[in-house]
């Protein structure tokens, strides 16, 4: 039976250390790799289930009502953070907003430096839930350099009042022109040219814009009015 402990690091974070774990129940890097193999084999549901079960084990391992920051410099502890973010994203993509929000918040609790930038996905989730006050509390944690920030600001104003502010629209059209074109395009093909571009060492702005669209496409299927209004600007 696996024996797992939280061992304090000198910087007041914690490492997850496991012994006698032949099944790899707490080997979070191995679980990530195995889940990705399932995905590549076409078993997406099985991959999501594997990640969520591992997340539950991690959640039960950590003490309640006590701050526990995981050591990002420890491989297995870092993998635990990454796995939690992946499982939260699974719920985000499935439209399970409340679970996704709770899990993204958990990731920020164990990794307050937000190495994986889950604040961005949490912001999208909060807006999908209509939690605009909670959104306002975190939006300034996202850099203005992110195209996500512009999309989020526009969508938040649209969610509140059904309109797109002129200043934000002008910024989106000019400073983030490839993203504006992508979000108002009629098609978003994942063809060979796109796949080669996005997998390259330095993807083009156009490929990054398409990647952002694809990462948020499920949102716009549920909230099409926002995209329709963008297209009419």
Protein backbone atom coordinates (compact mmCIF):
# COMPACT_ATOMS: atom_id res chain seq x y z
CA UNK A 1 0.00 0.00 0.00
CA UNK A 2 1.34 3.40 -0.97
CA UNK A 3 2.73 5.53 1.83
CA UNK A 4 2.66 9.22 0.96
CA UNK A 5 3.91 12.17 2.99
CA UNK A 6 4.16 15.92 2.64
CA UNK A 7 7.77 16.84 3.39
CA UNK A 8 8.52 20.53 4.05
CA UNK A 9 11.06 22.29 1.85
CA UNK A 10 13.32 25.12 3.10
CA UNK A 11 11.12 27.76 1.41
CA UNK A 12 8.01 26.69 3.40
CA UNK A 13 6.54 24.71 0.52
CA UNK A 14 5.93 20.96 0.53
CA UNK A 15 7.14 18.00 -1.51
CA UNK A 16 4.96 14.96 -2.13
CA UNK A 17 7.06 11.91 -1.29
CA UNK A 18 5.72 8.38 -1.80
CA UNK A 19 7.12 4.95 -1.01
CA UNK A 20 5.74 1.48 -1.74
CA UNK A 21 3.63 2.72 -4.64
CA UNK A 22 3.98 0.05 -7.38
CA UNK A 23 0.76 1.18 -9.07
CA UNK A 24 2.01 4.75 -9.29
CA UNK A 25 -1.09 6.16 -7.60
CA UNK A 26 0.86 9.23 -6.49
CA UNK A 27 3.33 9.38 -9.39
CA UNK A 28 1.60 12.35 -10.98
CA UNK A 29 4.00 12.71 -13.90
CA UNK A 30 3.41 9.07 -14.83
CA UNK A 31 -0.35 9.60 -14.58
CA UNK A 32 -0.17 12.60 -16.91
CA UNK A 33 1.79 10.56 -19.46
CA UNK A 34 -0.62 7.62 -19.22
CA UNK A 35 -3.66 9.87 -19.63
CA UNK A 36 -2.15 11.47 -22.73
CA UNK A 37 -1.55 8.03 -24.22
CA UNK A 38 -5.24 7.30 -23.69
CA UNK A 39 -6.12 10.54 -25.47
CA UNK A 40 -3.92 9.72 -28.43
CA UNK A 41 -5.59 6.31 -28.61
CA UNK A 42 -8.99 8.02 -28.78
CA UNK A 43 -10.11 7.30 -25.20
CA UNK A 44 -10.68 10.92 -24.14
CA UNK A 45 -13.24 10.01 -21.49
CA UNK A 46 -10.85 7.47 -19.96
CA UNK A 47 -8.07 10.06 -19.91
CA UNK A 48 -10.29 12.60 -18.14
CA UNK A 49 -11.41 10.00 -15.60
CA UNK A 50 -7.80 9.02 -14.91
CA UNK A 51 -6.80 12.64 -14.26
CA UNK A 52 -9.82 13.33 -12.07
CA UNK A 53 -9.29 10.24 -9.91
CA UNK A 54 -5.67 11.28 -9.39
CA UNK A 55 -6.80 14.80 -8.52
CA UNK A 56 -9.17 13.40 -5.90
CA UNK A 57 -6.33 11.43 -4.32
CA UNK A 58 -4.21 14.58 -4.21
CA UNK A 59 -7.07 16.62 -2.74
CA UNK A 60 -7.63 14.06 0.01
CA UNK A 61 -3.91 13.99 0.75
CA UNK A 62 -3.66 17.69 1.57
CA UNK A 63 -4.80 18.91 5.00
CA UNK A 64 -8.08 20.81 5.24
CA UNK A 65 -8.17 24.47 6.32
CA UNK A 66 -4.40 24.74 6.20
CA UNK A 67 -2.30 26.46 3.55
CA UNK A 68 -0.23 23.92 1.64
CA UNK A 69 1.89 25.30 -1.17
CA UNK A 70 3.52 22.61 -3.28
CA UNK A 71 7.21 22.83 -4.15
CA UNK A 72 7.37 23.78 -7.83
CA UNK A 73 11.03 22.74 -7.93
CA UNK A 74 10.21 19.16 -6.94
CA UNK A 75 9.30 17.08 -10.00
CA UNK A 76 6.43 15.08 -8.53
CA UNK A 77 4.94 18.05 -6.69
CA UNK A 78 5.10 20.14 -9.86
CA UNK A 79 3.42 17.30 -11.75
CA UNK A 80 0.66 17.27 -9.11
CA UNK A 81 -0.03 20.94 -9.85
CA UNK A 82 0.04 20.29 -13.59
CA UNK A 83 -2.31 17.32 -13.30
CA UNK A 84 -4.76 19.38 -11.23
CA UNK A 85 -4.74 22.10 -13.88
CA UNK A 86 -5.31 19.52 -16.62
CA UNK A 87 -8.27 18.00 -14.78
CA UNK A 88 -9.72 21.46 -14.12
CA UNK A 89 -9.38 22.17 -17.84
CA UNK A 90 -11.20 18.91 -18.62
CA UNK A 91 -14.16 20.20 -16.60
CA UNK A 92 -13.84 23.64 -18.22
CA UNK A 93 -14.02 22.13 -21.70
CA UNK A 94 -17.01 20.01 -20.65
CA UNK A 95 -18.85 23.12 -19.48
CA UNK A 96 -18.90 22.00 -15.84
CA UNK A 97 -18.28 25.56 -14.68
CA UNK A 98 -18.68 25.18 -10.92
CA UNK A 99 -16.32 22.21 -10.71
CA UNK A 100 -13.83 23.87 -13.05
CA UNK A 101 -13.83 27.08 -10.99
CA UNK A 102 -13.33 25.18 -7.73
CA UNK A 103 -10.47 23.19 -9.21
CA UNK A 104 -8.74 26.21 -10.75
CA UNK A 105 -8.98 27.93 -7.36
CA UNK A 106 -7.42 24.84 -5.78
CA UNK A 107 -4.52 25.06 -8.24
CA UNK A 108 -3.96 28.69 -7.25
CA UNK A 109 -3.97 27.71 -3.58
CA UNK A 110 -1.23 25.11 -4.01
CA UNK A 111 0.64 27.24 -6.58
CA UNK A 112 -0.04 30.91 -5.78
CA UNK A 113 2.68 32.02 -8.20
CA UNK A 114 0.44 30.60 -10.94
CA UNK A 115 3.20 29.06 -13.03
CA UNK A 116 0.59 27.59 -15.39
CA UNK A 117 -1.44 30.81 -15.70
CA UNK A 118 -4.69 29.13 -14.69
CA UNK A 119 -6.02 32.56 -13.68
CA UNK A 120 -6.84 33.08 -17.35
CA UNK A 121 -9.02 29.96 -17.53
CA UNK A 122 -10.58 30.77 -14.17
CA UNK A 123 -11.56 34.20 -15.51
CA UNK A 124 -13.32 32.63 -18.52
CA UNK A 125 -15.06 30.20 -16.16
CA UNK A 126 -16.29 32.92 -13.83
CA UNK A 127 -17.75 34.90 -16.72
CA UNK A 128 -19.47 31.78 -18.04
CA UNK A 129 -21.04 31.42 -14.58
CA UNK A 130 -22.04 35.10 -14.56
CA UNK A 131 -19.83 35.72 -11.50
CA UNK A 132 -18.73 39.19 -12.60
CA UNK A 133 -17.74 40.38 -9.10
CA UNK A 134 -15.37 37.44 -8.67
CA UNK A 135 -14.09 38.08 -12.19
CA UNK A 136 -13.31 41.70 -11.26
CA UNK A 137 -11.20 40.47 -8.34
CA UNK A 138 -8.79 38.55 -10.57
CA UNK A 139 -8.77 40.26 -13.97
CA UNK A 140 -5.91 42.60 -13.00
CA UNK A 141 -3.75 39.55 -12.32
CA UNK A 142 -3.72 38.89 -16.07
CA UNK A 143 -1.18 40.80 -18.13
CA UNK A 144 -2.40 43.36 -20.66
CA UNK A 145 -0.02 41.69 -23.12
CA UNK A 146 -2.28 38.64 -23.26
CA UNK A 147 -4.84 38.54 -26.05
CA UNK A 148 -6.98 36.66 -23.54
CA UNK A 149 -7.16 39.84 -21.44
CA UNK A 150 -8.72 41.74 -24.33
CA UNK A 151 -11.22 38.99 -25.09
CA UNK A 152 -12.13 38.75 -21.41
CA UNK A 153 -12.58 42.50 -21.00
CA UNK A 154 -14.82 42.67 -24.05
CA UNK A 155 -16.85 39.65 -23.01
CA UNK A 156 -17.22 40.90 -19.44
CA UNK A 157 -18.67 44.21 -20.64
CA UNK A 158 -20.94 42.36 -23.03
CA UNK A 159 -22.11 40.07 -20.23
CA UNK A 160 -22.92 43.09 -18.06
CA UNK A 161 -24.58 45.41 -20.55
CA UNK A 162 -24.87 43.74 -23.94
CA UNK A 163 -22.42 46.10 -25.62
CA UNK A 164 -18.75 46.28 -26.64
CA UNK A 165 -16.86 49.38 -25.41
CA UNK A 166 -15.34 51.38 -28.25
CA UNK A 167 -11.94 51.75 -26.60
CA UNK A 168 -11.56 48.05 -25.93
CA UNK A 169 -12.76 47.22 -29.44
CA UNK A 170 -10.24 49.58 -31.01
CA UNK A 171 -7.44 48.03 -28.96
CA UNK A 172 -8.52 44.54 -29.96
CA UNK A 173 -8.72 45.45 -33.66
CA UNK A 174 -5.34 47.18 -33.78
CA UNK A 175 -2.98 45.73 -31.18
CA UNK A 176 -4.40 42.21 -31.48
CA UNK A 177 -5.46 42.28 -35.13
CA UNK A 178 -4.78 38.57 -35.89
CA UNK A 179 -6.96 37.61 -32.93
CA UNK A 180 -9.76 39.95 -34.02
CA UNK A 181 -9.66 38.44 -37.51
CA UNK A 182 -9.72 34.91 -36.12
CA UNK A 183 -12.60 35.57 -33.74
CA UNK A 184 -14.68 37.09 -36.53
CA UNK A 185 -13.78 34.53 -39.22
CA UNK A 186 -16.37 32.13 -40.59
CA UNK A 187 -14.01 29.12 -40.49
CA UNK A 188 -11.18 28.00 -38.21
CA UNK A 189 -9.55 25.02 -39.94
CA UNK A 190 -7.05 22.84 -38.10
CA UNK A 191 -5.31 21.94 -41.33
CA UNK A 192 -1.73 20.78 -41.87
CA UNK A 193 -0.48 24.35 -42.26
CA UNK A 194 -1.90 25.36 -38.89
CA UNK A 195 -0.62 22.24 -37.11
CA UNK A 196 2.89 22.75 -38.50
CA UNK A 197 2.83 26.42 -37.51
CA UNK A 198 1.54 25.95 -33.97
CA UNK A 199 4.02 23.13 -33.30
CA UNK A 200 6.97 25.21 -34.50
CA UNK A 201 9.50 26.82 -32.17
CA UNK A 202 7.98 30.26 -32.78
CA UNK A 203 4.33 30.05 -33.91
CA UNK A 204 2.96 32.94 -35.94
CA UNK A 205 0.44 35.38 -34.39
CA UNK A 206 -2.17 33.89 -36.73
CA UNK A 207 -1.56 30.38 -35.41
CA UNK A 208 -1.69 31.60 -31.81
CA UNK A 209 -4.96 33.36 -32.56
CA UNK A 210 -6.45 30.16 -33.94
CA UNK A 211 -5.19 28.22 -30.93
CA UNK A 212 -6.98 30.66 -28.61
CA UNK A 213 -10.16 30.34 -30.62
CA UNK A 214 -10.00 26.55 -30.45
CA UNK A 215 -9.35 26.66 -26.69
CA UNK A 216 -12.47 28.79 -26.14
CA UNK A 217 -14.71 27.60 -28.98
CA UNK A 218 -16.96 25.64 -26.62
CA UNK A 219 -17.74 28.91 -24.81
CA UNK A 220 -18.89 30.66 -27.97
CA UNK A 221 -21.10 27.72 -28.87
CA UNK A 222 -22.96 28.43 -25.61
CA UNK A 223 -22.70 32.22 -25.80
CA UNK A 224 -22.94 32.94 -29.56
CA UNK A 225 -24.31 36.47 -29.11
CA UNK A 226 -20.87 37.75 -28.12
CA UNK A 227 -19.21 36.49 -31.30
CA UNK A 228 -22.15 37.67 -33.43
CA UNK A 229 -21.75 41.17 -31.99
CA UNK A 230 -17.97 41.10 -32.58
CA UNK A 231 -18.57 40.25 -36.22
CA UNK A 232 -20.89 43.23 -36.63
CA UNK A 233 -18.41 45.75 -35.27
